[in-house]
Amino acid sequence: MGIYRSAMGKSIDMGSLIAKNEKTRAVGNVKNLNARGDTIDGFGRVVKPVTEKVNNAYSKTVGNRSAQPTTQKVTKPTIQPDEVIELTPEELELDNSLNDDLEIEKIKAEEVKKASKKK
């Protein structure tokens, strides 16, 4: 948010103030909310987080199924250190051509840099 200066000249860091009080019960005409927007019970425990409310509201307005928020765990395949992966001849050729392309692009970038310095 930023640091603001009060009328009395004191500096107030609004970001830290908000972060410090986000679990505090909000004061106003809406009952059972904390300052962050979570629905809370009488003891201040979170009943429904604000992210769940936002996701529900978004899913009601957007009809496209692919735009619906989902939670999926993505597991990365692990390769054991003793495993050796053999590349096919086509994969080796592709890897070599990619390396060649990278070297060409580096040379082009250097040439462009040299040309811009001369001007």
C-alpha atoms as a PDB file:
ATOM      1  CA  MET A   1       0.000   0.000   0.000  1.00  0.00           C
ATOM      2  CA  GLY A   2       2.524   2.542   1.082  1.00  0.00           C
ATOM      3  CA  ILE A   3       3.587   4.863   3.813  1.00  0.00           C
ATOM      4  CA  TYR A   4       1.295   7.809   4.505  1.00  0.00           C
ATOM      5  CA  ARG A   5       1.827  10.893   6.613  1.00  0.00           C
ATOM      6  CA  SER A   6      -0.888  11.904   9.061  1.00  0.00           C
ATOM      7  CA  ALA A   7      -2.071  15.470   9.665  1.00  0.00           C
ATOM      8  CA  MET A   8       0.136  15.522  12.773  1.00  0.00           C
ATOM      9  CA  GLY A   9       3.192  14.523  10.710  1.00  0.00           C
ATOM     10  CA  LYS A  10       3.448  10.899  11.849  1.00  0.00           C
ATOM     11  CA  SER A  11       4.300   8.209   9.273  1.00  0.00           C
ATOM     12  CA  ILE A  12       1.843   5.307   8.993  1.00  0.00           C
ATOM     13  CA  ASP A  13       2.724   2.133   7.084  1.00  0.00           C
ATOM     14  CA  MET A  14      -0.699   0.987   5.846  1.00  0.00           C
ATOM     15  CA  GLY A  15       0.575  -2.340   4.473  1.00  0.00           C
ATOM     16  CA  SER A  16       1.961  -3.511   7.796  1.00  0.00           C
ATOM     17  CA  LEU A  17      -1.117  -2.197   9.637  1.00  0.00           C
ATOM     18  CA  ILE A  18      -3.410  -4.211   7.362  1.00  0.00           C
ATOM     19  CA  ALA A  19      -1.257  -7.346   7.619  1.00  0.00           C
ATOM     20  CA  LYS A  20      -1.129  -7.074  11.407  1.00  0.00           C
ATOM     21  CA  ASN A  21      -4.910  -6.764  11.795  1.00  0.00           C
ATOM     22  CA  GLU A  22      -6.283  -9.008   9.028  1.00  0.00           C
ATOM     23  CA  LYS A  23      -7.552 -11.610  11.543  1.00  0.00           C
ATOM     24  CA  THR A  24      -9.329  -8.987  13.681  1.00  0.00           C
ATOM     25  CA  ARG A  25     -13.141  -8.797  13.648  1.00  0.00           C
ATOM     26  CA  ALA A  26     -14.260  -6.009  11.329  1.00  0.00           C
ATOM     27  CA  VAL A  27     -16.310  -3.130  12.694  1.00  0.00           C
ATOM     28  CA  GLY A  28     -19.278  -2.020  10.643  1.00  0.00           C
ATOM     29  CA  ASN A  29     -22.737  -2.979   9.545  1.00  0.00           C
ATOM     30  CA  VAL A  30     -21.695  -6.417   8.196  1.00  0.00           C
ATOM     31  CA  LYS A  31     -21.610  -9.050  10.908  1.00  0.00           C
ATOM     32  CA  ASN A  32     -19.331 -12.062  11.165  1.00  0.00           C
ATOM     33  CA  LEU A  33     -16.440 -10.802   9.017  1.00  0.00           C
ATOM     34  CA  ASN A  34     -12.808 -10.220   9.807  1.00  0.00           C
ATOM     35  CA  ALA A  35     -10.795  -7.404   8.264  1.00  0.00           C
ATOM     36  CA  ARG A  36      -9.596  -9.699   5.458  1.00  0.00           C
ATOM     37  CA  GLY A  37     -13.159 -10.588   4.423  1.00  0.00           C
ATOM     38  CA  ASP A  38     -13.376 -14.141   5.798  1.00  0.00           C
ATOM     39  CA  THR A  39     -16.686 -15.224   7.342  1.00  0.00           C
ATOM     40  CA  ILE A  40     -16.049 -15.972  11.022  1.00  0.00           C
ATOM     41  CA  ASP A  41     -18.047 -17.453  13.891  1.00  0.00           C
ATOM     42  CA  GLY A  42     -18.668 -15.957  17.330  1.00  0.00           C
ATOM     43  CA  PHE A  43     -15.226 -17.010  18.554  1.00  0.00           C
ATOM     44  CA  GLY A  44     -13.326 -15.487  15.620  1.00  0.00           C
ATOM     45  CA  ARG A  45     -12.595 -18.781  13.842  1.00  0.00           C
ATOM     46  CA  VAL A  46     -12.728 -18.720  10.031  1.00  0.00           C
ATOM     47  CA  VAL A  47     -15.843 -20.500   8.751  1.00  0.00           C
ATOM     48  CA  LYS A  48     -15.557 -19.596   5.062  1.00  0.00           C
ATOM     49  CA  PRO A  49     -12.371 -18.008   3.658  1.00  0.00           C
ATOM     50  CA  VAL A  50     -12.608 -15.032   1.336  1.00  0.00           C
ATOM     51  CA  THR A  51     -10.873 -16.953  -1.474  1.00  0.00           C
ATOM     52  CA  GLU A  52     -13.674 -19.518  -1.461  1.00  0.00           C
ATOM     53  CA  LYS A  53     -16.267 -16.730  -1.665  1.00  0.00           C
ATOM     54  CA  VAL A  54     -14.455 -15.103  -4.576  1.00  0.00           C
ATOM     55  CA  ASN A  55     -14.153 -18.432  -6.428  1.00  0.00           C
ATOM     56  CA  ASN A  56     -17.869 -19.130  -5.967  1.00  0.00           C
ATOM     57  CA  ALA A  57     -18.841 -15.668  -7.208  1.00  0.00           C
ATOM     58  CA  TYR A  58     -16.509 -16.006 -10.199  1.00  0.00           C
ATOM     59  CA  SER A  59     -17.860 -19.420 -11.123  1.00  0.00           C
ATOM     60  CA  LYS A  60     -21.406 -18.038 -11.088  1.00  0.00           C
ATOM     61  CA  THR A  61     -20.543 -15.232 -13.497  1.00  0.00           C
ATOM     62  CA  VAL A  62     -18.355 -17.235 -15.897  1.00  0.00           C
ATOM     63  CA  GLY A  63     -20.137 -19.997 -17.781  1.00  0.00           C
ATOM     64  CA  ASN A  64     -17.043 -21.512 -19.365  1.00  0.00           C
ATOM     65  CA  ARG A  65     -16.026 -24.733 -17.645  1.00  0.00           C
ATOM     66  CA  SER A  66     -12.339 -24.289 -18.418  1.00  0.00           C
ATOM     67  CA  ALA A  67     -12.371 -20.968 -16.553  1.00  0.00           C
ATOM     68  CA  GLN A  68     -13.623 -22.553 -13.325  1.00  0.00           C
ATOM     69  CA  PRO A  69     -11.072 -22.508 -10.507  1.00  0.00           C
ATOM     70  CA  THR A  70      -9.797 -25.943  -9.611  1.00  0.00           C
ATOM     71  CA  THR A  71      -7.251 -27.240  -7.184  1.00  0.00           C
ATOM     72  CA  GLN A  72      -5.045 -29.999  -8.486  1.00  0.00           C
ATOM     73  CA  LYS A  73      -1.814 -31.271  -7.099  1.00  0.00           C
ATOM     74  CA  VAL A  74       0.876 -31.468  -9.731  1.00  0.00           C
ATOM     75  CA  THR A  75       3.499 -34.079  -9.085  1.00  0.00           C
ATOM     76  CA  LYS A  76       6.813 -33.743 -10.812  1.00  0.00           C
ATOM     77  CA  PRO A  77       8.481 -36.922 -11.958  1.00  0.00           C
ATOM     78  CA  THR A  78      11.686 -37.537 -10.090  1.00  0.00           C
ATOM     79  CA  ILE A  79      14.769 -38.943 -11.768  1.00  0.00           C
ATOM     80  CA  GLN A  80      17.065 -41.005  -9.621  1.00  0.00           C
ATOM     81  CA  PRO A  81      20.769 -40.043  -9.857  1.00  0.00           C
ATOM     82  CA  ASP A  82      21.758 -43.544 -10.944  1.00  0.00           C
ATOM     83  CA  GLU A  83      19.235 -43.533 -13.811  1.00  0.00           C
ATOM     84  CA  VAL A  84      20.683 -42.811 -17.233  1.00  0.00           C
ATOM     85  CA  ILE A  85      18.323 -41.565 -19.889  1.00  0.00           C
ATOM     86  CA  GLU A  86      19.270 -42.528 -23.417  1.00  0.00           C
ATOM     87  CA  LEU A  87      18.259 -40.143 -26.169  1.00  0.00           C
ATOM     88  CA  THR A  88      17.156 -41.349 -29.552  1.00  0.00           C
ATOM     89  CA  PRO A  89      19.111 -40.185 -32.618  1.00  0.00           C
ATOM     90  CA  GLU A  90      16.276 -37.771 -33.469  1.00  0.00           C
ATOM     91  CA  GLU A  91      16.369 -36.282 -29.967  1.00  0.00           C
ATOM     92  CA  LEU A  92      20.152 -35.903 -30.136  1.00  0.00           C
ATOM     93  CA  GLU A  93      19.897 -34.142 -33.492  1.00  0.00           C
ATOM     94  CA  LEU A  94      17.224 -31.813 -32.144  1.00  0.00           C
ATOM     95  CA  ASP A  95      19.314 -31.036 -29.050  1.00  0.00           C
ATOM     96  CA  ASN A  96      22.358 -30.245 -31.218  1.00  0.00           C
ATOM     97  CA  SER A  97      20.337 -28.033 -33.539  1.00  0.00           C
ATOM     98  CA  LEU A  98      18.890 -26.148 -30.559  1.00  0.00           C
ATOM     99  CA  ASN A  99      22.383 -25.560 -29.190  1.00  0.00           C
ATOM    100  CA  ASP A 100      23.499 -24.308 -32.611  1.00  0.00           C
ATOM    101  CA  ASP A 101      20.497 -21.970 -32.770  1.00  0.00           C
ATOM    102  CA  LEU A 102      21.339 -20.581 -29.333  1.00  0.00           C
ATOM    103  CA  GLU A 103      24.914 -19.873 -30.375  1.00  0.00           C
ATOM    104  CA  ILE A 104      23.695 -18.113 -33.527  1.00  0.00           C
ATOM    105  CA  GLU A 105      21.277 -15.970 -31.498  1.00  0.00           C
ATOM    106  CA  LYS A 106      24.075 -14.997 -29.080  1.00  0.00           C
ATOM    107  CA  ILE A 107      26.288 -13.941 -31.990  1.00  0.00           C
ATOM    108  CA  LYS A 108      23.435 -11.910 -33.508  1.00  0.00           C
ATOM    109  CA  ALA A 109      22.794 -10.199 -30.175  1.00  0.00           C
ATOM    110  CA  GLU A 110      26.472  -9.281 -29.849  1.00  0.00           C
ATOM    111  CA  GLU A 111      26.490  -7.856 -33.384  1.00  0.00           C
ATOM    112  CA  VAL A 112      23.383  -5.771 -32.673  1.00  0.00           C
ATOM    113  CA  LYS A 113      24.964  -4.504 -29.447  1.00  0.00           C
ATOM    114  CA  LYS A 114      28.174  -3.555 -31.297  1.00  0.00           C
ATOM    115  CA  ALA A 115      26.181  -1.802 -34.035  1.00  0.00           C
ATOM    116  CA  SER A 116      24.155   0.208 -31.499  1.00  0.00           C
ATOM    117  CA  LYS A 117      27.344   1.319 -29.697  1.00  0.00           C
ATOM    118  CA  LYS A 118      28.865   2.595 -32.969  1.00  0.00           C
ATOM    119  CA  LYS A 119      25.909   4.935 -33.544  1.00  0.00           C
END
